[in-house]
PDB file of N, CA and C in Angstrom:
ATOM      1  N   UNK A   1     136.124 119.146 104.119  1.00  0.00           N
ATOM      2  CA  UNK A   1     137.012 120.474 104.304  1.00  0.00           C
ATOM      3  C   UNK A   1     136.972 121.078 102.844  1.00  0.00           C
ATOM      4  N   UNK A   2     136.605 122.134 102.916  1.00  0.00           N
ATOM      5  CA  UNK A   2     136.452 123.042 101.807  1.00  0.00           C
ATOM      6  C   UNK A   2     137.788 123.577 101.467  1.00  0.00           C
ATOM      7  N   UNK A   3     137.988 123.812 100.091  1.00  0.00           N
ATOM      8  CA  UNK A   3     139.721 124.500  99.747  1.00  0.00           C
ATOM      9  C   UNK A   3     139.729 125.613 100.428  1.00  0.00           C
ATOM     10  N   UNK A   4     138.958 126.457 100.770  1.00  0.00           N
ATOM     11  CA  UNK A   4     139.194 127.673 101.197  1.00  0.00           C
ATOM     12  C   UNK A   4     139.542 127.401 102.842  1.00  0.00           C
ATOM     13  N   UNK A   5     139.196 126.278 103.384  1.00  0.00           N
ATOM     14  CA  UNK A   5     139.546 126.433 104.663  1.00  0.00           C
ATOM     15  C   UNK A   5     140.925 125.660 104.537  1.00  0.00           C
ATOM     16  N   UNK A   6     141.493 125.068 103.522  1.00  0.00           N
ATOM     17  CA  UNK A   6     142.652 124.362 103.503  1.00  0.00           C
ATOM     18  C   UNK A   6     144.006 125.452 102.947  1.00  0.00           C
ATOM     19  N   UNK A   7     143.269 126.190 102.138  1.00  0.00           N
ATOM     20  CA  UNK A   7     143.968 127.311 101.810  1.00  0.00           C
ATOM     21  C   UNK A   7     144.307 128.287 102.944  1.00  0.00           C
ATOM     22  N   UNK A   8     143.567 128.297 103.851  1.00  0.00           N
ATOM     23  CA  UNK A   8     143.857 129.306 105.017  1.00  0.00           C
ATOM     24  C   UNK A   8     144.882 128.529 106.052  1.00  0.00           C
ATOM     25  N   UNK A   9     144.895 127.168 106.117  1.00  0.00           N
ATOM     26  CA  UNK A   9     145.874 126.666 106.695  1.00  0.00           C
ATOM     27  C   UNK A   9     147.119 126.274 106.095  1.00  0.00           C
ATOM     28  N   UNK A  10     147.507 126.755 104.807  1.00  0.00           N
ATOM     29  CA  UNK A  10     148.924 126.808 103.983  1.00  0.00           C
ATOM     30  C   UNK A  10     149.768 127.338 104.915  1.00  0.00           C
ATOM     31  N   UNK A  11     149.402 128.386 105.466  1.00  0.00           N
ATOM     32  CA  UNK A  11     150.621 129.171 106.048  1.00  0.00           C
ATOM     33  C   UNK A  11     151.005 128.576 107.658  1.00  0.00           C
ATOM     34  N   UNK A  12     150.188 127.530 108.340  1.00  0.00           N
ATOM     35  CA  UNK A  12     150.496 126.807 109.343  1.00  0.00           C
ATOM     36  C   UNK A  12     149.833 125.564 109.514  1.00  0.00           C
ATOM     37  N   UNK A  13     150.365 124.533 108.282  1.00  0.00           N
ATOM     38  CA  UNK A  13     149.157 123.382 108.475  1.00  0.00           C
ATOM     39  C   UNK A  13     149.412 122.383 109.852  1.00  0.00           C
ATOM     40  N   UNK A  14     150.498 122.716 110.317  1.00  0.00           N
ATOM     41  CA  UNK A  14     150.507 121.815 111.904  1.00  0.00           C
ATOM     42  C   UNK A  14     149.272 122.134 112.598  1.00  0.00           C
ATOM     43  N   UNK A  15     148.495 123.358 112.464  1.00  0.00           N
ATOM     44  CA  UNK A  15     147.750 123.879 113.328  1.00  0.00           C
ATOM     45  C   UNK A  15     146.111 123.319 113.072  1.00  0.00           C
ATOM     46  N   UNK A  16     146.028 122.593 111.847  1.00  0.00           N
ATOM     47  CA  UNK A  16     144.949 122.051 111.078  1.00  0.00           C
ATOM     48  C   UNK A  16     144.162 121.071 112.009  1.00  0.00           C
ATOM     49  N   UNK A  17     144.919 119.977 112.831  1.00  0.00           N
ATOM     50  CA  UNK A  17     144.131 119.358 113.595  1.00  0.00           C
ATOM     51  C   UNK A  17     143.661 119.913 115.070  1.00  0.00           C
ATOM     52  N   UNK A  18     144.195 121.245 115.439  1.00  0.00           N
ATOM     53  CA  UNK A  18     143.630 121.819 116.472  1.00  0.00           C
ATOM     54  C   UNK A  18     142.331 122.731 115.814  1.00  0.00           C
ATOM     55  N   UNK A  19     142.200 123.072 114.642  1.00  0.00           N
ATOM     56  CA  UNK A  19     141.126 123.856 114.008  1.00  0.00           C
ATOM     57  C   UNK A  19     139.765 122.487 114.055  1.00  0.00           C
ATOM     58  N   UNK A  20     140.630 121.397 113.464  1.00  0.00           N
ATOM     59  CA  UNK A  20     139.574 120.094 113.161  1.00  0.00           C
ATOM     60  C   UNK A  20     138.768 119.819 114.565  1.00  0.00           C
ATOM     61  N   UNK A  21     139.436 119.946 115.650  1.00  0.00           N
ATOM     62  CA  UNK A  21     138.978 119.460 116.865  1.00  0.00           C
ATOM     63  C   UNK A  21     138.017 120.720 117.359  1.00  0.00           C
ATOM     64  N   UNK A  22     138.437 121.797 116.910  1.00  0.00           N
ATOM     65  CA  UNK A  22     137.535 123.162 117.716  1.00  0.00           C
ATOM     66  C   UNK A  22     136.021 123.091 116.651  1.00  0.00           C
ATOM     67  N   UNK A  23     136.455 122.914 115.526  1.00  0.00           N
ATOM     68  CA  UNK A  23     135.305 122.476 114.354  1.00  0.00           C
ATOM     69  C   UNK A  23     134.096 121.751 114.891  1.00  0.00           C
ATOM     70  N   UNK A  24     134.773 120.550 115.224  1.00  0.00           N
ATOM     71  CA  UNK A  24     134.021 119.235 115.556  1.00  0.00           C
ATOM     72  C   UNK A  24     133.118 119.622 116.922  1.00  0.00           C
ATOM     73  N   UNK A  25     134.074 120.292 118.049  1.00  0.00           N
ATOM     74  CA  UNK A  25     133.335 120.689 119.101  1.00  0.00           C
ATOM     75  C   UNK A  25     132.032 121.854 118.849  1.00  0.00           C
ATOM     76  N   UNK A  26     132.216 122.469 117.894  1.00  0.00           N
ATOM     77  CA  UNK A  26     131.085 123.327 117.723  1.00  0.00           C
ATOM     78  C   UNK A  26     129.852 123.101 117.019  1.00  0.00           C
ATOM     79  N   UNK A  27     130.334 122.269 115.954  1.00  0.00           N
ATOM     80  CA  UNK A  27     129.434 121.612 115.157  1.00  0.00           C
ATOM     81  C   UNK A  27     128.514 120.731 115.898  1.00  0.00           C
ATOM     82  N   UNK A  28     129.062 120.171 116.823  1.00  0.00           N
ATOM     83  CA  UNK A  28     128.272 118.983 117.564  1.00  0.00           C
ATOM     84  C   UNK A  28     127.277 119.843 118.674  1.00  0.00           C
ATOM     85  N   UNK A  29     127.741 120.954 119.057  1.00  0.00           N
ATOM     86  CA  UNK A  29     127.074 121.419 120.155  1.00  0.00           C
ATOM     87  C   UNK A  29     126.074 122.260 119.464  1.00  0.00           C
ATOM     88  N   UNK A  30     126.339 122.977 118.215  1.00  0.00           N
ATOM     89  CA  UNK A  30     125.312 123.903 117.537  1.00  0.00           C
ATOM     90  C   UNK A  30     125.418 123.548 116.008  1.00  0.00           C
ATOM     91  N   UNK A  31     124.666 122.494 115.728  1.00  0.00           N
ATOM     92  CA  UNK A  31     124.617 122.071 114.354  1.00  0.00           C
ATOM     93  C   UNK A  31     124.150 123.186 113.189  1.00  0.00           C
ATOM     94  N   UNK A  32     123.410 124.268 113.950  1.00  0.00           N
ATOM     95  CA  UNK A  32     123.081 125.258 112.810  1.00  0.00           C
ATOM     96  C   UNK A  32     124.105 126.262 112.419  1.00  0.00           C
ATOM     97  N   UNK A  33     125.404 126.106 113.134  1.00  0.00           N
ATOM     98  CA  UNK A  33     126.307 127.016 112.845  1.00  0.00           C
ATOM     99  C   UNK A  33     126.847 127.061 111.309  1.00  0.00           C
ATOM    100  N   UNK A  34     127.115 128.285 110.822  1.00  0.00           N
ATOM    101  CA  UNK A  34     127.427 128.493 109.462  1.00  0.00           C
ATOM    102  C   UNK A  34     129.148 128.813 109.772  1.00  0.00           C
ATOM    103  N   UNK A  35     129.962 128.209 108.665  1.00  0.00           N
ATOM    104  CA  UNK A  35     130.986 128.570 108.932  1.00  0.00           C
ATOM    105  C   UNK A  35     131.719 128.873 107.539  1.00  0.00           C
ATOM    106  N   UNK A  36     132.330 129.831 107.778  1.00  0.00           N
ATOM    107  CA  UNK A  36     133.106 130.685 106.370  1.00  0.00           C
ATOM    108  C   UNK A  36     134.592 130.950 106.503  1.00  0.00           C
ATOM    109  N   UNK A  37     135.270 130.356 105.587  1.00  0.00           N
ATOM    110  CA  UNK A  37     136.697 130.543 105.701  1.00  0.00           C
ATOM    111  C   UNK A  37     136.910 131.670 104.466  1.00  0.00           C
ATOM    112  N   UNK A  38     137.915 132.325 105.291  1.00  0.00           N
ATOM    113  CA  UNK A  38     138.359 133.404 104.538  1.00  0.00           C
ATOM    114  C   UNK A  38     139.911 133.453 104.451  1.00  0.00           C
ATOM    115  N   UNK A  39     140.296 134.351 103.827  1.00  0.00           N
ATOM    116  CA  UNK A  39     142.038 134.486 103.843  1.00  0.00           C
ATOM    117  C   UNK A  39     142.523 134.570 105.211  1.00  0.00           C
ATOM    118  N   UNK A  40     142.026 135.632 106.122  1.00  0.00           N
ATOM    119  CA  UNK A  40     142.610 136.057 107.310  1.00  0.00           C
ATOM    120  C   UNK A  40     141.999 135.245 108.545  1.00  0.00           C
ATOM    121  N   UNK A  41     141.100 134.528 108.427  1.00  0.00           N
ATOM    122  CA  UNK A  41     139.938 134.044 109.418  1.00  0.00           C
ATOM    123  C   UNK A  41     138.970 132.976 109.346  1.00  0.00           C
ATOM    124  N   UNK A  42     138.340 132.126 109.954  1.00  0.00           N
ATOM    125  CA  UNK A  42     137.405 131.102 109.728  1.00  0.00           C
ATOM    126  C   UNK A  42     136.169 131.725 110.724  1.00  0.00           C
ATOM    127  N   UNK A  43     135.093 132.161 110.134  1.00  0.00           N
ATOM    128  CA  UNK A  43     134.181 132.702 111.262  1.00  0.00           C
ATOM    129  C   UNK A  43     133.489 131.474 111.376  1.00  0.00           C
ATOM    130  N   UNK A  44     132.579 131.558 112.380  1.00  0.00           N
ATOM    131  CA  UNK A  44     131.324 130.805 113.005  1.00  0.00           C
ATOM    132  C   UNK A  44     130.090 131.585 113.360  1.00  0.00           C
ATOM    133  N   UNK A  45     129.271 131.261 112.831  1.00  0.00           N
ATOM    134  CA  UNK A  45     127.938 132.366 113.013  1.00  0.00           C
ATOM    135  C   UNK A  45     126.544 131.487 113.141  1.00  0.00           C
ATOM    136  N   UNK A  46     125.797 131.962 113.701  1.00  0.00           N
ATOM    137  CA  UNK A  46     124.412 131.731 113.709  1.00  0.00           C
ATOM    138  C   UNK A  46     123.537 132.950 113.310  1.00  0.00           C
ATOM    139  N   UNK A  47     122.735 133.900 114.277  1.00  0.00           N
ATOM    140  CA  UNK A  47     122.392 134.857 113.578  1.00  0.00           C
ATOM    141  C   UNK A  47     123.356 136.025 113.414  1.00  0.00           C
ATOM    142  N   UNK A  48     124.371 135.897 114.219  1.00  0.00           N
ATOM    143  CA  UNK A  48     125.581 136.888 114.007  1.00  0.00           C
ATOM    144  C   UNK A  48     126.911 135.990 113.992  1.00  0.00           C
ATOM    145  N   UNK A  49     128.017 136.496 113.780  1.00  0.00           N
ATOM    146  CA  UNK A  49     129.221 135.671 114.243  1.00  0.00           C
ATOM    147  C   UNK A  49     129.492 135.823 115.744  1.00  0.00           C
ATOM    148  N   UNK A  50     129.989 134.509 116.159  1.00  0.00           N
ATOM    149  CA  UNK A  50     130.084 134.520 117.608  1.00  0.00           C
ATOM    150  C   UNK A  50     131.530 134.029 117.800  1.00  0.00           C
ATOM    151  N   UNK A  51     132.094 133.427 116.722  1.00  0.00           N
ATOM    152  CA  UNK A  51     133.442 133.182 117.156  1.00  0.00           C
ATOM    153  C   UNK A  51     134.313 133.123 115.803  1.00  0.00           C
ATOM    154  N   UNK A  52     135.544 132.992 115.573  1.00  0.00           N
ATOM    155  CA  UNK A  52     136.333 132.919 114.909  1.00  0.00           C
ATOM    156  C   UNK A  52     137.710 132.643 115.273  1.00  0.00           C
ATOM    157  N   UNK A  53     138.503 131.700 114.161  1.00  0.00           N
ATOM    158  CA  UNK A  53     139.755 131.388 114.281  1.00  0.00           C
ATOM    159  C   UNK A  53     140.534 131.779 113.319  1.00  0.00           C
ATOM    160  N   UNK A  54     141.729 132.175 114.059  1.00  0.00           N
ATOM    161  CA  UNK A  54     142.920 133.288 113.066  1.00  0.00           C
ATOM    162  C   UNK A  54     144.353 132.560 113.829  1.00  0.00           C
ATOM    163  N   UNK A  55     145.236 133.457 113.158  1.00  0.00           N
ATOM    164  CA  UNK A  55     146.529 133.465 113.488  1.00  0.00           C
ATOM    165  C   UNK A  55     146.911 134.590 113.973  1.00  0.00           C
ATOM    166  N   UNK A  56     145.971 135.401 114.445  1.00  0.00           N
ATOM    167  CA  UNK A  56     146.359 136.926 115.010  1.00  0.00           C
ATOM    168  C   UNK A  56     147.825 136.845 115.915  1.00  0.00           C
ATOM    169  N   UNK A  57     148.421 137.826 115.914  1.00  0.00           N
ATOM    170  CA  UNK A  57     149.535 137.664 116.852  1.00  0.00           C
ATOM    171  C   UNK A  57     149.150 138.539 118.225  1.00  0.00           C
ATOM    172  N   UNK A  58     148.269 137.731 119.070  1.00  0.00           N
ATOM    173  CA  UNK A  58     147.846 138.484 120.209  1.00  0.00           C
ATOM    174  C   UNK A  58     148.815 138.469 121.287  1.00  0.00           C
ATOM    175  N   UNK A  59     150.217 137.821 121.167  1.00  0.00           N
ATOM    176  CA  UNK A  59     151.169 137.815 122.267  1.00  0.00           C
ATOM    177  C   UNK A  59     152.508 137.797 121.333  1.00  0.00           C
ATOM    178  N   UNK A  60     153.677 138.179 121.676  1.00  0.00           N
ATOM    179  CA  UNK A  60     154.910 138.008 121.311  1.00  0.00           C
ATOM    180  C   UNK A  60     155.111 136.606 120.949  1.00  0.00           C
ATOM    181  N   UNK A  61     155.697 136.467 119.869  1.00  0.00           N
ATOM    182  CA  UNK A  61     156.031 135.039 118.816  1.00  0.00           C
ATOM    183  C   UNK A  61     156.399 134.004 119.606  1.00  0.00           C
ATOM    184  N   UNK A  62     157.668 134.569 120.835  1.00  0.00           N
ATOM    185  CA  UNK A  62     157.911 133.672 121.711  1.00  0.00           C
ATOM    186  C   UNK A  62     157.181 133.315 122.668  1.00  0.00           C
ATOM    187  N   UNK A  63     155.895 133.722 122.854  1.00  0.00           N
ATOM    188  CA  UNK A  63     155.082 133.277 123.941  1.00  0.00           C
ATOM    189  C   UNK A  63     153.765 132.476 123.324  1.00  0.00           C
ATOM    190  N   UNK A  64     154.181 132.255 122.020  1.00  0.00           N
ATOM    191  CA  UNK A  64     152.996 131.542 121.313  1.00  0.00           C
ATOM    192  C   UNK A  64     153.524 130.052 121.037  1.00  0.00           C
ATOM    193  N   UNK A  65     152.555 129.131 121.534  1.00  0.00           N
ATOM    194  CA  UNK A  65     153.203 127.757 121.296  1.00  0.00           C
ATOM    195  C   UNK A  65     152.870 127.404 119.798  1.00  0.00           C
ATOM    196  N   UNK A  66     153.600 126.282 119.486  1.00  0.00           N
ATOM    197  CA  UNK A  66     153.853 125.926 117.982  1.00  0.00           C
ATOM    198  C   UNK A  66     153.334 124.389 117.768  1.00  0.00           C
ATOM    199  N   UNK A  67     152.181 124.254 117.162  1.00  0.00           N
ATOM    200  CA  UNK A  67     151.213 125.327 116.448  1.00  0.00           C
ATOM    201  C   UNK A  67     150.268 126.143 117.464  1.00  0.00           C
ATOM    202  N   UNK A  68     149.724 126.972 117.102  1.00  0.00           N
ATOM    203  CA  UNK A  68     148.610 127.673 117.600  1.00  0.00           C
ATOM    204  C   UNK A  68     147.495 128.192 117.020  1.00  0.00           C
ATOM    205  N   UNK A  69     146.364 128.400 117.318  1.00  0.00           N
ATOM    206  CA  UNK A  69     145.252 128.742 117.036  1.00  0.00           C
ATOM    207  C   UNK A  69     144.754 130.276 117.778  1.00  0.00           C
ATOM    208  N   UNK A  70     144.298 131.028 117.258  1.00  0.00           N
ATOM    209  CA  UNK A  70     143.591 132.001 118.532  1.00  0.00           C
ATOM    210  C   UNK A  70     141.871 132.079 118.175  1.00  0.00           C
ATOM    211  N   UNK A  71     141.360 131.647 119.290  1.00  0.00           N
ATOM    212  CA  UNK A  71     139.795 131.546 118.937  1.00  0.00           C
ATOM    213  C   UNK A  71     139.467 132.940 119.532  1.00  0.00           C
ATOM    214  N   UNK A  72     138.817 133.581 118.885  1.00  0.00           N
ATOM    215  CA  UNK A  72     138.149 135.046 119.174  1.00  0.00           C
ATOM    216  C   UNK A  72     136.486 134.613 119.485  1.00  0.00           C
ATOM    217  N   UNK A  73     136.120 135.235 120.642  1.00  0.00           N
ATOM    218  CA  UNK A  73     134.726 135.069 120.628  1.00  0.00           C
ATOM    219  C   UNK A  73     134.070 136.537 120.865  1.00  0.00           C
ATOM    220  N   UNK A  74     132.670 136.648 120.524  1.00  0.00           N
ATOM    221  CA  UNK A  74     132.158 137.903 121.006  1.00  0.00           C
ATOM    222  C   UNK A  74     131.153 137.650 122.070  1.00  0.00           C
ATOM    223  N   UNK A  75     131.634 138.441 123.197  1.00  0.00           N
ATOM    224  CA  UNK A  75     130.921 138.251 124.492  1.00  0.00           C
ATOM    225  C   UNK A  75     130.004 139.462 124.980  1.00  0.00           C
ATOM    226  N   UNK A  76     129.461 139.224 125.889  1.00  0.00           N
ATOM    227  CA  UNK A  76     128.656 140.465 126.235  1.00  0.00           C
ATOM    228  C   UNK A  76     129.233 141.339 127.408  1.00  0.00           C
ATOM    229  N   UNK A  77     130.817 140.973 127.806  1.00  0.00           N
ATOM    230  CA  UNK A  77     131.315 141.613 129.046  1.00  0.00           C
ATOM    231  C   UNK A  77     132.893 141.037 128.831  1.00  0.00           C
ATOM    232  N   UNK A  78     133.538 141.753 129.266  1.00  0.00           N
ATOM    233  CA  UNK A  78     135.135 141.429 129.349  1.00  0.00           C
ATOM    234  C   UNK A  78     135.361 140.032 130.146  1.00  0.00           C
ATOM    235  N   UNK A  79     136.067 139.170 129.116  1.00  0.00           N
ATOM    236  CA  UNK A  79     136.529 137.987 129.976  1.00  0.00           C
ATOM    237  C   UNK A  79     137.480 138.291 131.063  1.00  0.00           C
ATOM    238  N   UNK A  80     137.300 138.037 132.035  1.00  0.00           N
ATOM    239  CA  UNK A  80     138.438 138.127 133.226  1.00  0.00           C
ATOM    240  C   UNK A  80     138.851 136.563 133.388  1.00  0.00           C
ATOM    241  N   UNK A  81     140.107 136.342 132.724  1.00  0.00           N
ATOM    242  CA  UNK A  81     140.684 135.432 132.971  1.00  0.00           C
ATOM    243  C   UNK A  81     142.127 135.424 132.284  1.00  0.00           C
ATOM    244  N   UNK A  82     143.045 134.361 132.959  1.00  0.00           N
ATOM    245  CA  UNK A  82     144.374 134.321 132.603  1.00  0.00           C
ATOM    246  C   UNK A  82     144.484 134.079 131.151  1.00  0.00           C
ATOM    247  N   UNK A  83     143.493 133.292 130.940  1.00  0.00           N
ATOM    248  CA  UNK A  83     143.604 132.742 129.337  1.00  0.00           C
ATOM    249  C   UNK A  83     143.197 133.713 128.349  1.00  0.00           C
ATOM    250  N   UNK A  84     142.476 134.797 128.538  1.00  0.00           N
ATOM    251  CA  UNK A  84     142.439 135.843 127.718  1.00  0.00           C
ATOM    252  C   UNK A  84     143.598 136.669 127.336  1.00  0.00           C
ATOM    253  N   UNK A  85     144.172 136.450 126.177  1.00  0.00           N
ATOM    254  CA  UNK A  85     145.326 136.974 125.712  1.00  0.00           C
ATOM    255  C   UNK A  85     145.220 138.552 125.321  1.00  0.00           C
ATOM    256  N   UNK A  86     143.782 138.810 124.882  1.00  0.00           N
ATOM    257  CA  UNK A  86     143.568 140.204 124.662  1.00  0.00           C
ATOM    258  C   UNK A  86     142.131 140.414 124.548  1.00  0.00           C
ATOM    259  N   UNK A  87     141.722 141.634 124.825  1.00  0.00           N
ATOM    260  CA  UNK A  87     140.140 141.866 124.875  1.00  0.00           C
ATOM    261  C   UNK A  87     139.867 143.438 124.568  1.00  0.00           C
ATOM    262  N   UNK A  88     139.015 143.640 123.507  1.00  0.00           N
ATOM    263  CA  UNK A  88     138.513 144.885 123.353  1.00  0.00           C
ATOM    264  C   UNK A  88     137.076 145.118 123.562  1.00  0.00           C
ATOM    265  N   UNK A  89     136.729 146.117 123.562  1.00  0.00           N
ATOM    266  CA  UNK A  89     135.214 146.576 123.270  1.00  0.00           C
ATOM    267  C   UNK A  89     134.947 147.461 121.944  1.00  0.00           C
ATOM    268  N   UNK A  90     134.754 146.811 120.794  1.00  0.00           N
ATOM    269  CA  UNK A  90     134.538 147.475 119.622  1.00  0.00           C
ATOM    270  C   UNK A  90     133.273 148.319 119.601  1.00  0.00           C
ATOM    271  N   UNK A  91     132.459 147.692 120.286  1.00  0.00           N
ATOM    272  CA  UNK A  91     131.015 148.377 120.537  1.00  0.00           C
ATOM    273  C   UNK A  91     130.616 148.350 121.673  1.00  0.00           C
ATOM    274  N   UNK A  92     129.833 149.443 122.151  1.00  0.00           N
ATOM    275  CA  UNK A  92     129.408 149.400 123.415  1.00  0.00           C
ATOM    276  C   UNK A  92     128.569 148.062 123.727  1.00  0.00           C
ATOM    277  N   UNK A  93     128.994 147.454 124.937  1.00  0.00           N
ATOM    278  CA  UNK A  93     128.362 146.262 124.962  1.00  0.00           C
ATOM    279  C   UNK A  93     128.611 144.906 124.416  1.00  0.00           C
ATOM    280  N   UNK A  94     129.604 145.073 123.621  1.00  0.00           N
ATOM    281  CA  UNK A  94     130.240 143.918 122.960  1.00  0.00           C
ATOM    282  C   UNK A  94     131.506 143.796 122.944  1.00  0.00           C
ATOM    283  N   UNK A  95     131.808 143.002 123.756  1.00  0.00           N
ATOM    284  CA  UNK A  95     133.570 142.444 123.710  1.00  0.00           C
ATOM    285  C   UNK A  95     134.107 141.429 123.152  1.00  0.00           C
ATOM    286  N   UNK A  96     135.129 141.779 122.493  1.00  0.00           N
ATOM    287  CA  UNK A  96     135.848 140.748 121.753  1.00  0.00           C
ATOM    288  C   UNK A  96     137.320 140.271 122.617  1.00  0.00           C
ATOM    289  N   UNK A  97     137.023 138.817 122.766  1.00  0.00           N
ATOM    290  CA  UNK A  97     138.129 138.139 123.418  1.00  0.00           C
ATOM    291  C   UNK A  97     139.022 137.367 122.427  1.00  0.00           C
ATOM    292  N   UNK A  98     140.196 137.249 122.595  1.00  0.00           N
ATOM    293  CA  UNK A  98     141.112 136.246 121.928  1.00  0.00           C
ATOM    294  C   UNK A  98     141.857 135.189 122.940  1.00  0.00           C
ATOM    295  N   UNK A  99     141.575 133.955 122.847  1.00  0.00           N
ATOM    296  CA  UNK A  99     142.241 133.318 123.686  1.00  0.00           C
ATOM    297  C   UNK A  99     143.290 132.119 122.805  1.00  0.00           C
ATOM    298  N   UNK A 100     144.384 131.920 123.032  1.00  0.00           N
ATOM    299  CA  UNK A 100     145.435 131.272 122.426  1.00  0.00           C
ATOM    300  C   UNK A 100     145.352 129.697 122.785  1.00  0.00           C
ATOM    301  N   UNK A 101     144.905 128.768 121.606  1.00  0.00           N
ATOM    302  CA  UNK A 101     145.034 127.346 122.085  1.00  0.00           C
ATOM    303  C   UNK A 101     146.266 126.689 121.426  1.00  0.00           C
ATOM    304  N   UNK A 102     147.170 125.924 121.850  1.00  0.00           N
ATOM    305  CA  UNK A 102     148.174 125.179 121.325  1.00  0.00           C
ATOM    306  C   UNK A 102     148.035 123.862 121.185  1.00  0.00           C
ATOM    307  N   UNK A 103     146.883 123.161 121.953  1.00  0.00           N
ATOM    308  CA  UNK A 103     146.803 121.768 122.083  1.00  0.00           C
ATOM    309  C   UNK A 103     145.473 121.498 122.091  1.00  0.00           C
ATOM    310  N   UNK A 104     144.866 120.280 121.744  1.00  0.00           N
ATOM    311  CA  UNK A 104     143.389 119.919 121.892  1.00  0.00           C
ATOM    312  C   UNK A 104     142.783 120.342 123.157  1.00  0.00           C
ATOM    313  N   UNK A 105     143.883 119.898 124.412  1.00  0.00           N
ATOM    314  CA  UNK A 105     143.222 119.678 125.680  1.00  0.00           C
ATOM    315  C   UNK A 105     143.113 121.267 126.444  1.00  0.00           C
ATOM    316  N   UNK A 106     143.342 122.325 125.172  1.00  0.00           N
ATOM    317  CA  UNK A 106     143.062 123.805 125.657  1.00  0.00           C
ATOM    318  C   UNK A 106     141.644 124.061 125.382  1.00  0.00           C
ATOM    319  N   UNK A 107     140.849 123.136 124.716  1.00  0.00           N
ATOM    320  CA  UNK A 107     139.477 123.135 124.527  1.00  0.00           C
ATOM    321  C   UNK A 107     138.630 122.357 125.278  1.00  0.00           C
ATOM    322  N   UNK A 108     138.897 122.765 126.614  1.00  0.00           N
ATOM    323  CA  UNK A 108     138.372 122.213 127.812  1.00  0.00           C
ATOM    324  C   UNK A 108     136.984 122.979 128.075  1.00  0.00           C
ATOM    325  N   UNK A 109     136.138 122.274 129.109  1.00  0.00           N
ATOM    326  CA  UNK A 109     134.894 122.890 129.652  1.00  0.00           C
ATOM    327  C   UNK A 109     134.912 124.213 129.897  1.00  0.00           C
ATOM    328  N   UNK A 110     135.912 125.046 130.422  1.00  0.00           N
ATOM    329  CA  UNK A 110     135.860 126.284 130.392  1.00  0.00           C
ATOM    330  C   UNK A 110     135.876 126.854 129.102  1.00  0.00           C
ATOM    331  N   UNK A 111     136.570 126.746 127.986  1.00  0.00           N
ATOM    332  CA  UNK A 111     136.532 127.503 126.753  1.00  0.00           C
ATOM    333  C   UNK A 111     135.160 126.856 126.302  1.00  0.00           C
ATOM    334  N   UNK A 112     134.717 125.679 126.402  1.00  0.00           N
ATOM    335  CA  UNK A 112     133.141 125.351 125.618  1.00  0.00           C
ATOM    336  C   UNK A 112     132.431 126.332 126.249  1.00  0.00           C
ATOM    337  N   UNK A 113     132.402 126.672 127.493  1.00  0.00           N
ATOM    338  CA  UNK A 113     131.242 127.174 128.413  1.00  0.00           C
ATOM    339  C   UNK A 113     131.428 128.667 127.844  1.00  0.00           C
ATOM    340  N   UNK A 114     132.707 129.549 127.565  1.00  0.00           N
ATOM    341  CA  UNK A 114     132.318 130.629 126.962  1.00  0.00           C
ATOM    342  C   UNK A 114     131.977 130.534 125.833  1.00  0.00           C
ATOM    343  N   UNK A 115     132.462 129.542 124.848  1.00  0.00           N
ATOM    344  CA  UNK A 115     131.979 129.359 123.479  1.00  0.00           C
ATOM    345  C   UNK A 115     130.096 129.264 123.488  1.00  0.00           C
ATOM    346  N   UNK A 116     129.507 128.811 124.521  1.00  0.00           N
ATOM    347  CA  UNK A 116     128.392 128.617 124.556  1.00  0.00           C
ATOM    348  C   UNK A 116     127.730 130.130 125.139  1.00  0.00           C
ATOM    349  N   UNK A 117     128.312 131.033 125.889  1.00  0.00           N
ATOM    350  CA  UNK A 117     128.017 132.197 126.101  1.00  0.00           C
ATOM    351  C   UNK A 117     127.970 133.227 124.904  1.00  0.00           C
ATOM    352  N   UNK A 118     129.044 133.065 123.927  1.00  0.00           N
ATOM    353  CA  UNK A 118     129.483 133.756 122.633  1.00  0.00           C
ATOM    354  C   UNK A 118     128.022 133.391 121.808  1.00  0.00           C
ATOM    355  N   UNK A 119     127.786 132.286 121.656  1.00  0.00           N
ATOM    356  CA  UNK A 119     126.699 131.621 120.740  1.00  0.00           C
ATOM    357  C   UNK A 119     125.702 132.296 121.094  1.00  0.00           C
ATOM    358  N   UNK A 120     125.268 132.028 122.568  1.00  0.00           N
ATOM    359  CA  UNK A 120     123.951 132.706 122.959  1.00  0.00           C
ATOM    360  C   UNK A 120     123.752 134.235 122.841  1.00  0.00           C
ATOM    361  N   UNK A 121     125.103 134.724 122.984  1.00  0.00           N
ATOM    362  CA  UNK A 121     125.148 136.584 122.784  1.00  0.00           C
ATOM    363  C   UNK A 121     124.710 136.735 121.348  1.00  0.00           C
ATOM    364  N   UNK A 122     125.333 135.893 120.510  1.00  0.00           N
ATOM    365  CA  UNK A 122     125.011 136.233 119.027  1.00  0.00           C
ATOM    366  C   UNK A 122     123.572 136.058 118.599  1.00  0.00           C
ATOM    367  N   UNK A 123     122.957 135.152 119.142  1.00  0.00           N
ATOM    368  CA  UNK A 123     121.394 134.848 118.972  1.00  0.00           C
ATOM    369  C   UNK A 123     120.446 136.201 119.425  1.00  0.00           C
ATOM    370  N   UNK A 124     120.911 136.886 120.236  1.00  0.00           N
ATOM    371  CA  UNK A 124     120.186 137.798 120.681  1.00  0.00           C
ATOM    372  C   UNK A 124     120.444 139.150 120.412  1.00  0.00           C
ATOM    373  N   UNK A 125     121.646 139.419 119.737  1.00  0.00           N
ATOM    374  CA  UNK A 125     122.460 140.650 119.389  1.00  0.00           C
ATOM    375  C   UNK A 125     122.050 141.005 118.059  1.00  0.00           C
TER     376      UNK A 125
END
């Protein structure tokens, strides 16, 4: 793990195991993924960014698990799921969906299916 990633988790070190599980899932399915840790997010890209990890406040603080991560996916449609904490259409035909996870079990087949859609969408956009 690089220094920028460790620096990102200084504010919430308890969330690091969640991130490690997410990164492992992404890289095992998509080994060509480029990962870039920045001050406010960690991005995952192929041709374009398809997912991000952050600590965005997409819910009221009392509604967020402790620890938590926000997984942001770039989708070709608005994700209709109770798991979607927030969604926006920053560009026509591109939807940004934020999903809160609080435990490794939240990275289930449903989330990984959406991740696959985001990955494939980023390949063609």
